[in-house]
Amino acid sequence: MPHPSPRVTLTTGTVAGTESAGVRRFLGIRYAEPPFGDRRFAAPVPARAWESVREATGFGPTAPQSPYQGDSATLLSSVEIPGEDILTVNVWTPADADAAPVVVWVHGGALERGTAALEGYDGTTFARDGIVFVSLNYRLGSEGFSVLDGVPRNLGLLDVGAAVDWVFREIAAFGGDPERVTLMGESAGGALVAAAMAIPRIGERAHGAIIQSGPLDASTPERAGRVTRAIAKHLGIPATRDAFAAVSPQRLVDARLELTRKSSPIPVGGFALALDPASVPGAPEKALTDAAAPILLGTNTDEYRLWLSPAAIAALGPLKVAALALFGRIPAGAMRAARADGSRGAEALGQALSDKILRAPATRLAQGRPERTFVYEFAWQSPVRGLRAAHAVEIAFAFGRLTGPDAVALSGEDAPQSLADEMHGAWVSFIRTGDPGWPAFGATRATRVFDTVSQTAPQRRTEVVDAFR
């Protein structure tokens, strides 16, 4: 017989979910009002109360976005769920949870793509290990990260903050402990975790943070606003709230897509967090140095190979590589160090960009708080399309699920489950205790290298990383 529909009563009303194999799921729960109409380009407004029981059996609508394009479309899936109720959370919880540790997952996608509804973000594995798993949606692209006159900065980040506030307020009803909440994100999601941890009301209460291949910086409003101004120019409108609000969300998405089709094969621009006294007063890298909570963070050995296909590598000759290195502000010393480490041509440029954006900031943060930071490098080589240890390949291993279509697309059908079990176990341990099972970074720059045979060793490629000091 099917299990009776589990119900949970929140401060705003009651939701009914589903239960299977000892795991309860509550999907598409509104944490803020839909950000459209009069609420478009405005700070999130907490969800209003409701009276009748709401079904929480399906994911909420996805934020306006376009699917991945080109080679990326064969590797990264997209989901489109129509509707305006995009500010929702999802909860997986053990059926017998009682003051269980909690993890909040923030998806990536360059701040303009992605959704918690992706198959690869299913929280069942965490719930089966005694963790209450929460995922969330937030505004993307022009709706969430435009720099417009008359509009609060970093609306997507404000959404994430509102969702975390919801977790602190409501998670006890699902059997979670609001005093043991760890934030976890990958890529742009990792950047949002870092920025959210720098918000005092969140960072002072969070139990810890997991940042997977996440940038740790924020741009000046002038620099962060470049993509907004480019869209405005493309549409022939001023970069103001009234002008953008008069354009449909889909037209803004289409305009951004039309512009990106003309861009470089290596992404060096796009939506970014903007420095702002109210939301991002300083670079998260610096703000997190003094954070009390433990942090687990790391990068993948070959991050750039998700964006730079073998064909693109072959097509980039020495002159284009030199021009892109100059445009990307890569120091000559970093390029020399990358070449000395074995990379050549476009590969050296891709590696240097990965170091500048991801690995060097992570290292600086770890050096600034060496006894409270645990560092990893994901080094397992995927056989798919020459990806090797590319950006996003580690996600399925952290979730401990290698058989789903999202995982197979990046890792193939024979990825080692033993490595996934090891990595997922480390994440669970950190969520529970603040310790993943290897020494903190410390003076020796201790790093857990996840591979077919994993090891803890001094950080590798330090010459390249240190070129960005």
Protein backbone atom coordinates (compact mmCIF):
# COMPACT_ATOMS: atom_id res chain seq x y z
CA MET A 1 0.00 0.00 0.00
CA PRO A 2 1.26 3.54 -0.68
CA HIS A 3 2.54 5.41 2.33
CA PRO A 4 0.17 8.11 3.64
CA SER A 5 1.09 11.55 2.36
CA PRO A 6 3.38 13.16 4.97
CA ARG A 7 2.40 16.65 6.08
CA VAL A 8 4.38 19.43 7.69
CA THR A 9 2.94 22.60 9.18
CA LEU A 10 5.01 25.74 8.66
CA THR A 11 4.49 29.26 9.98
CA THR A 12 2.72 30.05 6.69
CA GLY A 13 0.61 26.91 6.30
CA THR A 14 0.66 23.14 5.79
CA VAL A 15 2.35 21.28 2.92
CA ALA A 16 1.87 17.66 1.85
CA GLY A 17 4.75 15.73 0.30
CA THR A 18 5.62 12.15 -0.56
CA GLU A 19 7.54 9.36 1.16
CA SER A 20 9.52 6.45 -0.26
CA ALA A 21 12.12 4.12 1.27
CA GLY A 22 12.35 6.15 4.45
CA VAL A 23 12.88 9.51 2.71
CA ARG A 24 10.28 12.27 2.61
CA ARG A 25 10.22 14.84 -0.19
CA PHE A 26 8.53 18.22 -0.13
CA LEU A 27 8.99 20.05 -3.42
CA GLY A 28 8.18 23.50 -4.72
CA ILE A 29 7.50 25.24 -1.41
CA ARG A 30 7.20 28.99 -1.81
CA TYR A 31 9.69 30.95 0.35
CA ALA A 32 8.97 34.33 -1.27
CA GLU A 33 6.27 35.84 -3.42
CA PRO A 34 6.66 35.54 -7.23
CA PRO A 35 9.01 38.35 -8.38
CA PHE A 36 6.90 39.59 -11.27
CA GLY A 37 4.41 42.35 -11.87
CA ASP A 38 4.88 45.07 -9.26
CA ARG A 39 7.52 42.88 -7.52
CA ARG A 40 9.73 42.61 -10.61
CA PHE A 41 13.24 44.01 -10.02
CA ALA A 42 12.46 44.40 -6.32
CA ALA A 43 13.84 42.73 -3.20
CA PRO A 44 12.17 39.41 -2.34
CA VAL A 45 8.99 39.54 -0.27
CA PRO A 46 8.40 36.66 2.21
CA ALA A 47 5.68 34.21 1.21
CA ARG A 48 2.20 34.99 2.50
CA ALA A 49 0.27 32.48 4.59
CA TRP A 50 -2.23 30.08 3.06
CA GLU A 51 -5.15 28.19 4.56
CA SER A 52 -5.73 24.90 2.72
CA VAL A 53 -3.09 22.16 2.54
CA ARG A 54 -0.72 22.77 -0.37
CA GLU A 55 0.61 19.89 -2.43
CA ALA A 56 4.41 19.83 -2.40
CA THR A 57 4.92 17.00 -4.87
CA GLY A 58 6.46 18.79 -7.86
CA PHE A 59 9.27 21.26 -8.46
CA GLY A 60 8.38 24.91 -8.79
CA PRO A 61 8.72 26.89 -12.03
CA THR A 62 12.21 27.67 -13.29
CA ALA A 63 13.63 31.17 -13.48
CA PRO A 64 13.66 32.69 -17.00
CA GLN A 65 16.70 31.40 -18.89
CA SER A 66 17.89 29.84 -22.12
CA PRO A 67 19.16 26.26 -22.47
CA TYR A 68 22.89 25.64 -22.72
CA GLN A 69 24.24 26.17 -26.22
CA GLY A 70 26.74 24.39 -28.47
CA ASP A 71 28.96 21.67 -27.01
CA SER A 72 27.78 22.49 -23.50
CA ALA A 73 24.24 21.41 -24.40
CA THR A 74 25.42 17.80 -24.79
CA LEU A 75 27.00 17.84 -21.32
CA LEU A 76 24.76 20.03 -19.15
CA SER A 77 21.02 19.43 -19.02
CA SER A 78 18.33 22.10 -18.88
CA VAL A 79 14.84 21.95 -17.43
CA GLU A 80 12.02 24.37 -18.17
CA ILE A 81 8.99 24.47 -15.89
CA PRO A 82 6.61 27.32 -16.82
CA GLY A 83 5.11 29.69 -14.30
CA GLU A 84 5.93 32.74 -12.18
CA ASP A 85 6.24 31.08 -8.75
CA ILE A 86 9.99 30.69 -9.15
CA LEU A 87 11.17 31.43 -5.59
CA THR A 88 10.76 27.98 -4.08
CA VAL A 89 12.66 25.48 -1.96
CA ASN A 90 12.69 21.68 -1.90
CA VAL A 91 13.31 19.45 1.13
CA TRP A 92 14.45 15.84 1.37
CA THR A 93 14.39 14.57 4.93
CA PRO A 94 14.77 11.22 6.71
CA ALA A 95 11.33 10.03 7.82
CA ASP A 96 12.60 9.78 11.41
CA ALA A 97 14.62 13.04 11.41
CA ASP A 98 14.90 14.78 14.77
CA ALA A 99 17.25 17.77 15.08
CA ALA A 100 19.26 16.40 12.12
CA PRO A 101 22.05 18.38 10.46
CA VAL A 102 20.97 20.40 7.41
CA VAL A 103 22.61 21.26 4.11
CA VAL A 104 21.33 23.94 1.72
CA TRP A 105 22.29 23.43 -1.94
CA VAL A 106 22.67 26.44 -4.25
CA HIS A 107 22.93 25.46 -7.92
CA GLY A 108 25.39 26.92 -10.40
CA GLY A 109 25.00 28.09 -13.98
CA ALA A 110 27.03 31.32 -14.40
CA LEU A 111 24.24 33.28 -12.64
CA GLU A 112 22.04 32.89 -15.72
CA ARG A 113 21.14 29.21 -16.00
CA GLY A 114 20.21 26.28 -13.79
CA THR A 115 17.51 25.06 -11.46
CA ALA A 116 17.16 22.91 -8.35
CA ALA A 117 14.90 20.66 -10.45
CA LEU A 118 17.82 19.04 -12.29
CA GLU A 119 17.95 15.28 -11.82
CA GLY A 120 21.55 15.43 -10.65
CA TYR A 121 20.56 17.56 -7.64
CA ASP A 122 18.26 14.97 -6.07
CA GLY A 123 18.85 15.05 -2.31
CA THR A 124 17.95 11.42 -1.56
CA THR A 125 21.52 10.30 -0.90
CA PHE A 126 22.00 12.96 1.76
CA ALA A 127 18.64 12.18 3.40
CA ARG A 128 19.50 8.47 3.51
CA ASP A 129 22.65 9.46 5.41
CA GLY A 130 20.67 11.34 8.04
CA ILE A 131 20.98 14.84 6.53
CA VAL A 132 18.05 17.16 5.84
CA PHE A 133 18.76 18.39 2.30
CA VAL A 134 17.32 21.67 0.99
CA SER A 135 17.67 23.07 -2.53
CA LEU A 136 16.44 26.40 -3.84
CA ASN A 137 15.73 28.49 -6.91
CA TYR A 138 16.69 32.15 -7.29
CA ARG A 139 16.39 34.83 -9.96
CA LEU A 140 18.89 34.52 -12.80
CA GLY A 141 20.35 36.64 -15.55
CA SER A 142 18.81 40.04 -16.15
CA GLU A 143 16.06 39.42 -13.61
CA GLY A 144 18.52 38.63 -10.83
CA PHE A 145 21.82 40.34 -11.57
CA SER A 146 21.20 43.44 -13.68
CA VAL A 147 22.84 46.68 -12.58
CA LEU A 148 20.01 49.13 -13.13
CA ASP A 149 19.17 52.61 -11.89
CA GLY A 150 16.48 52.33 -9.24
CA VAL A 151 16.98 48.59 -8.59
CA PRO A 152 18.64 46.89 -5.57
CA ARG A 153 21.92 45.20 -6.46
CA ASN A 154 22.34 41.41 -6.51
CA LEU A 155 18.66 40.43 -6.41
CA GLY A 156 19.52 36.77 -6.96
CA LEU A 157 21.74 36.86 -3.89
CA LEU A 158 18.95 38.53 -1.92
CA ASP A 159 16.74 35.60 -2.98
CA VAL A 160 19.33 33.12 -1.68
CA GLY A 161 19.47 35.04 1.60
CA ALA A 162 15.68 34.94 1.87
CA ALA A 163 15.70 31.19 1.25
CA VAL A 164 18.33 30.62 3.94
CA ASP A 165 16.28 32.77 6.33
CA TRP A 166 13.35 30.45 5.51
CA VAL A 167 15.51 27.45 6.39
CA PHE A 168 16.52 28.91 9.76
CA ARG A 169 12.86 29.66 10.47
CA GLU A 170 11.11 26.54 9.17
CA ILE A 171 13.53 23.62 8.99
CA ALA A 172 12.78 22.35 12.51
CA ALA A 173 9.32 21.36 11.26
CA PHE A 174 11.03 18.90 8.88
CA GLY A 175 13.22 17.43 11.63
CA GLY A 176 16.24 19.63 10.91
CA ASP A 177 18.38 21.52 13.40
CA PRO A 178 18.42 25.25 12.56
CA GLU A 179 21.67 25.60 14.50
CA ARG A 180 23.45 23.05 12.26
CA VAL A 181 22.86 24.49 8.79
CA THR A 182 25.67 24.17 6.23
CA LEU A 183 25.53 26.06 2.93
CA MET A 184 26.78 24.23 -0.17
CA GLY A 185 27.14 25.38 -3.77
CA GLU A 186 29.04 24.78 -6.98
CA SER A 187 30.38 27.30 -9.50
CA ALA A 188 28.06 30.36 -9.40
CA GLY A 189 26.26 28.57 -6.57
CA GLY A 190 29.56 28.46 -4.68
CA ALA A 191 30.02 32.18 -5.30
CA LEU A 192 26.56 32.82 -3.87
CA VAL A 193 27.33 30.64 -0.84
CA ALA A 194 30.50 32.67 -0.23
CA ALA A 195 28.61 35.95 -0.57
CA ALA A 196 25.76 34.73 1.65
CA MET A 197 28.24 33.63 4.33
CA ALA A 198 29.61 37.19 4.30
CA ILE A 199 26.15 38.51 5.30
CA PRO A 200 26.34 38.77 9.11
CA ARG A 201 22.87 37.37 9.89
CA ILE A 202 23.76 34.25 7.88
CA GLY A 203 27.49 33.82 8.39
CA GLU A 204 27.25 34.25 12.15
CA ARG A 205 24.64 31.49 12.38
CA ALA A 206 25.69 28.98 9.70
CA HIS A 207 27.41 25.80 10.85
CA GLY A 208 29.74 25.70 7.83
CA ALA A 209 30.11 26.20 4.09
CA ILE A 210 31.06 23.97 1.14
CA ILE A 211 32.27 25.87 -1.93
CA GLN A 212 32.92 23.75 -5.03
CA SER A 213 34.76 25.59 -7.82
CA GLY A 214 33.17 28.89 -6.79
CA PRO A 215 34.56 32.36 -7.58
CA LEU A 216 35.15 34.38 -4.42
CA ASP A 217 35.12 37.92 -5.79
CA ALA A 218 32.70 40.72 -6.61
CA SER A 219 32.99 43.41 -9.26
CA THR A 220 32.51 47.14 -9.13
CA PRO A 221 29.02 48.18 -10.27
CA GLU A 222 30.66 49.63 -13.38
CA ARG A 223 32.24 46.32 -14.34
CA ALA A 224 29.33 44.14 -13.22
CA GLY A 225 26.99 46.39 -15.21
CA ARG A 226 28.70 45.80 -18.54
CA VAL A 227 26.38 42.98 -19.54
CA THR A 228 23.35 45.03 -18.47
CA ARG A 229 24.47 47.97 -20.58
CA ALA A 230 25.18 45.67 -23.52
CA ILE A 231 21.64 44.26 -23.33
CA ALA A 232 20.19 47.75 -23.02
CA LYS A 233 22.13 48.93 -26.07
CA HIS A 234 21.10 45.82 -28.01
CA LEU A 235 17.43 46.53 -27.24
CA GLY A 236 17.72 50.29 -27.70
CA ILE A 237 16.56 51.13 -24.18
CA PRO A 238 18.14 52.86 -21.16
CA ALA A 239 19.53 50.74 -18.29
CA THR A 240 16.73 51.66 -15.87
CA ARG A 241 14.16 49.71 -13.93
CA ASP A 242 11.23 51.15 -15.87
CA ALA A 243 12.80 50.39 -19.24
CA PHE A 244 13.76 46.81 -18.36
CA ALA A 245 10.41 46.16 -16.65
CA ALA A 246 8.67 47.14 -19.89
CA VAL A 247 10.49 44.29 -21.68
CA SER A 248 9.32 40.71 -21.15
CA PRO A 249 11.65 38.35 -19.22
CA GLN A 250 11.92 36.13 -22.30
CA ARG A 251 13.00 39.03 -24.50
CA LEU A 252 15.76 39.88 -22.03
CA VAL A 253 16.90 36.24 -22.11
CA ASP A 254 16.86 36.26 -25.92
CA ALA A 255 18.85 39.49 -26.05
CA ARG A 256 21.55 38.06 -23.81
CA LEU A 257 21.70 34.89 -25.95
CA GLU A 258 22.03 36.93 -29.13
CA LEU A 259 24.97 38.79 -27.61
CA THR A 260 26.77 35.69 -26.32
CA ARG A 261 26.73 34.09 -29.76
CA LYS A 262 29.23 36.76 -30.80
CA SER A 263 31.58 36.27 -27.84
CA SER A 264 34.95 34.58 -27.36
CA PRO A 265 35.23 30.76 -27.13
CA ILE A 266 36.58 31.27 -23.59
CA PRO A 267 34.02 32.99 -21.35
CA VAL A 268 35.60 36.08 -19.83
CA GLY A 269 32.49 38.17 -19.14
CA GLY A 270 28.91 37.85 -18.03
CA PHE A 271 26.69 38.45 -15.04
CA ALA A 272 28.57 39.01 -11.79
CA LEU A 273 28.00 39.96 -8.19
CA ALA A 274 28.30 43.72 -7.78
CA LEU A 275 29.89 45.41 -4.80
CA ASP A 276 27.13 47.07 -2.83
CA PRO A 277 26.95 48.39 0.76
CA ALA A 278 23.63 46.64 1.40
CA SER A 279 24.34 43.18 -0.04
CA VAL A 280 28.02 42.68 -0.98
CA PRO A 281 30.07 45.31 0.86
CA GLY A 282 33.38 43.62 0.01
CA ALA A 283 34.92 40.69 -1.82
CA PRO A 284 33.69 37.45 -0.18
CA GLU A 285 37.28 36.14 -0.22
CA LYS A 286 38.29 38.81 2.28
CA ALA A 287 35.07 38.75 4.29
CA LEU A 288 35.29 35.00 4.84
CA THR A 289 38.81 35.17 6.25
CA ASP A 290 37.43 36.11 9.67
CA ALA A 291 34.40 33.80 9.55
CA ALA A 292 34.20 31.44 12.52
CA ALA A 293 32.51 28.55 10.69
CA PRO A 294 34.65 25.87 9.01
CA ILE A 295 34.86 25.93 5.22
CA LEU A 296 35.40 23.05 2.80
CA LEU A 297 36.40 24.26 -0.64
CA GLY A 298 38.30 23.15 -3.68
CA THR A 299 38.63 23.00 -7.44
CA ASN A 300 38.98 20.48 -10.25
CA THR A 301 42.31 19.85 -11.96
CA ASP A 302 41.05 20.72 -15.45
CA GLU A 303 38.24 23.20 -14.82
CA TYR A 304 38.56 24.95 -18.18
CA ARG A 305 37.90 21.84 -20.27
CA LEU A 306 34.15 22.13 -19.75
CA TRP A 307 34.15 25.41 -21.69
CA LEU A 308 37.06 24.78 -24.04
CA SER A 309 36.47 21.70 -26.21
CA PRO A 310 39.33 19.87 -27.95
CA ALA A 311 38.21 21.49 -31.22
CA ALA A 312 38.31 24.96 -29.67
CA ILE A 313 41.75 24.24 -28.22
CA ALA A 314 43.01 23.24 -31.64
CA ALA A 315 41.48 26.34 -33.25
CA LEU A 316 43.15 28.83 -30.91
CA GLY A 317 46.54 29.67 -32.35
CA PRO A 318 49.38 31.54 -30.58
CA LEU A 319 48.15 35.01 -31.54
CA LYS A 320 44.60 34.39 -30.30
CA VAL A 321 45.95 32.86 -27.10
CA ALA A 322 48.16 35.91 -26.50
CA ALA A 323 45.26 38.28 -27.18
CA LEU A 324 42.90 36.42 -24.87
CA ALA A 325 45.55 36.29 -22.13
CA LEU A 326 45.93 40.05 -22.40
CA PHE A 327 42.17 40.60 -22.41
CA GLY A 328 41.78 38.25 -19.41
CA ARG A 329 44.56 40.09 -17.53
CA ILE A 330 46.67 36.97 -17.07
CA PRO A 331 50.16 37.83 -15.78
CA ALA A 332 53.02 36.66 -17.95
CA GLY A 333 54.41 34.81 -14.94
CA ALA A 334 51.23 32.77 -14.65
CA MET A 335 51.39 31.74 -18.31
CA ARG A 336 55.07 30.77 -17.90
CA ALA A 337 54.24 28.74 -14.80
CA ALA A 338 51.37 26.98 -16.57
CA ARG A 339 53.63 26.09 -19.50
CA ALA A 340 56.34 24.88 -17.14
CA ASP A 341 53.73 22.66 -15.52
CA GLY A 342 53.13 20.91 -18.85
CA SER A 343 50.28 22.89 -20.46
CA ARG A 344 50.67 24.33 -23.93
CA GLY A 345 48.95 26.99 -26.02
CA ALA A 346 45.22 27.30 -25.38
CA GLU A 347 45.48 24.71 -22.60
CA ALA A 348 47.94 26.92 -20.73
CA LEU A 349 45.56 29.86 -21.16
CA GLY A 350 42.59 27.81 -19.95
CA GLN A 351 44.54 26.57 -16.95
CA ALA A 352 45.75 30.07 -16.09
CA LEU A 353 42.20 31.46 -16.31
CA SER A 354 40.99 28.64 -14.04
CA ASP A 355 43.73 29.50 -11.57
CA LYS A 356 42.92 33.21 -11.65
CA ILE A 357 39.17 32.79 -11.21
CA LEU A 358 39.00 29.73 -8.96
CA ARG A 359 42.13 28.07 -7.59
CA ALA A 360 44.16 31.13 -6.58
CA PRO A 361 41.32 32.82 -4.64
CA ALA A 362 40.51 29.53 -2.89
CA THR A 363 44.17 29.20 -1.93
CA ARG A 364 44.38 32.75 -0.63
CA LEU A 365 41.28 32.20 1.49
CA ALA A 366 42.70 28.96 2.91
CA GLN A 367 46.02 30.66 3.68
CA GLY A 368 44.17 33.43 5.50
CA ARG A 369 42.38 30.97 7.82
CA PRO A 370 44.57 27.81 7.57
CA GLU A 371 43.21 25.96 10.61
CA ARG A 372 39.52 26.38 9.75
CA THR A 373 39.65 25.52 6.05
CA PHE A 374 39.73 22.12 4.36
CA VAL A 375 40.92 22.04 0.74
CA TYR A 376 40.39 19.41 -1.94
CA GLU A 377 41.34 18.91 -5.58
CA PHE A 378 39.16 16.71 -7.76
CA ALA A 379 41.53 14.97 -10.17
CA TRP A 380 39.64 11.95 -11.56
CA GLN A 381 39.80 11.93 -15.36
CA SER A 382 36.48 11.62 -17.16
CA PRO A 383 36.67 9.80 -20.49
CA VAL A 384 33.89 11.92 -22.00
CA ARG A 385 34.93 14.31 -24.81
CA GLY A 386 38.36 14.86 -23.33
CA LEU A 387 36.87 16.55 -20.26
CA ARG A 388 39.32 15.00 -17.82
CA ALA A 389 38.70 16.62 -14.39
CA ALA A 390 36.63 19.47 -15.81
CA HIS A 391 34.34 21.95 -14.14
CA ALA A 392 31.16 20.32 -12.73
CA VAL A 393 32.36 16.70 -13.07
CA GLU A 394 32.74 16.44 -9.30
CA ILE A 395 29.08 17.24 -8.53
CA ALA A 396 27.80 13.70 -9.05
CA PHE A 397 30.61 12.34 -6.87
CA ALA A 398 29.75 14.74 -4.04
CA PHE A 399 26.12 13.62 -4.29
CA GLY A 400 27.21 9.96 -4.44
CA ARG A 401 25.05 9.31 -7.53
CA LEU A 402 26.79 8.24 -10.75
CA THR A 403 24.03 6.39 -12.60
CA GLY A 404 21.66 9.25 -13.44
CA PRO A 405 21.67 10.88 -16.88
CA ASP A 406 23.28 14.12 -15.64
CA ALA A 407 26.17 12.18 -14.13
CA VAL A 408 26.62 9.88 -17.12
CA ALA A 409 26.72 12.86 -19.50
CA LEU A 410 29.83 14.18 -17.75
CA SER A 411 31.49 11.05 -16.36
CA GLY A 412 30.47 8.18 -18.62
CA GLU A 413 28.90 4.89 -17.59
CA ASP A 414 31.90 3.37 -15.79
CA ALA A 415 32.84 6.08 -13.30
CA PRO A 416 34.12 4.60 -10.00
CA GLN A 417 31.34 4.37 -7.42
CA SER A 418 33.98 3.77 -4.76
CA LEU A 419 35.30 7.30 -5.34
CA ALA A 420 31.76 8.70 -5.20
CA ASP A 421 31.18 6.88 -1.91
CA GLU A 422 34.43 8.32 -0.51
CA MET A 423 33.74 11.88 -1.61
CA HIS A 424 30.08 11.86 -0.59
CA GLY A 425 31.10 10.42 2.77
CA ALA A 426 33.54 13.29 3.30
CA TRP A 427 30.81 15.83 2.50
CA VAL A 428 28.40 14.13 4.93
CA SER A 429 31.08 14.09 7.62
CA PHE A 430 31.74 17.81 7.14
CA ILE A 431 28.02 18.63 7.29
CA ARG A 432 27.71 16.66 10.52
CA THR A 433 30.89 17.66 12.31
CA GLY A 434 32.73 20.40 10.40
CA ASP A 435 35.53 17.92 9.61
CA PRO A 436 35.68 16.03 6.27
CA GLY A 437 38.30 13.56 7.46
CA TRP A 438 41.65 15.06 6.44
CA PRO A 439 43.82 17.79 8.02
CA ALA A 440 43.05 21.46 7.63
CA PHE A 441 45.07 23.37 5.02
CA GLY A 442 47.63 24.60 7.56
CA ALA A 443 51.21 25.56 6.90
CA THR A 444 51.77 22.46 4.76
CA ARG A 445 48.90 23.38 2.39
CA ALA A 446 47.33 19.97 3.01
CA THR A 447 44.98 19.02 0.18
CA ARG A 448 42.81 15.96 -0.36
CA VAL A 449 43.29 14.84 -3.97
CA PHE A 450 40.27 12.82 -5.06
CA ASP A 451 41.22 10.29 -7.74
CA THR A 452 40.98 6.59 -8.47
CA VAL A 453 43.42 6.29 -5.58
CA SER A 454 42.93 9.36 -3.37
CA GLN A 455 45.60 10.86 -1.16
CA THR A 456 46.25 13.79 1.15
CA ALA A 457 49.33 15.72 0.06
CA PRO A 458 50.75 19.25 -0.09
CA GLN A 459 48.92 21.39 -2.63
CA ARG A 460 50.00 20.71 -6.21
CA ARG A 461 50.97 23.31 -8.84
CA THR A 462 51.79 25.95 -6.28
CA GLU A 463 53.99 27.89 -8.72
CA VAL A 464 51.03 28.55 -11.00
CA VAL A 465 48.66 29.42 -8.16
CA ASP A 466 51.16 31.71 -6.45
CA ALA A 467 51.70 33.68 -9.64
CA PHE A 468 48.36 35.37 -8.89
CA ARG A 469 49.32 36.74 -5.47
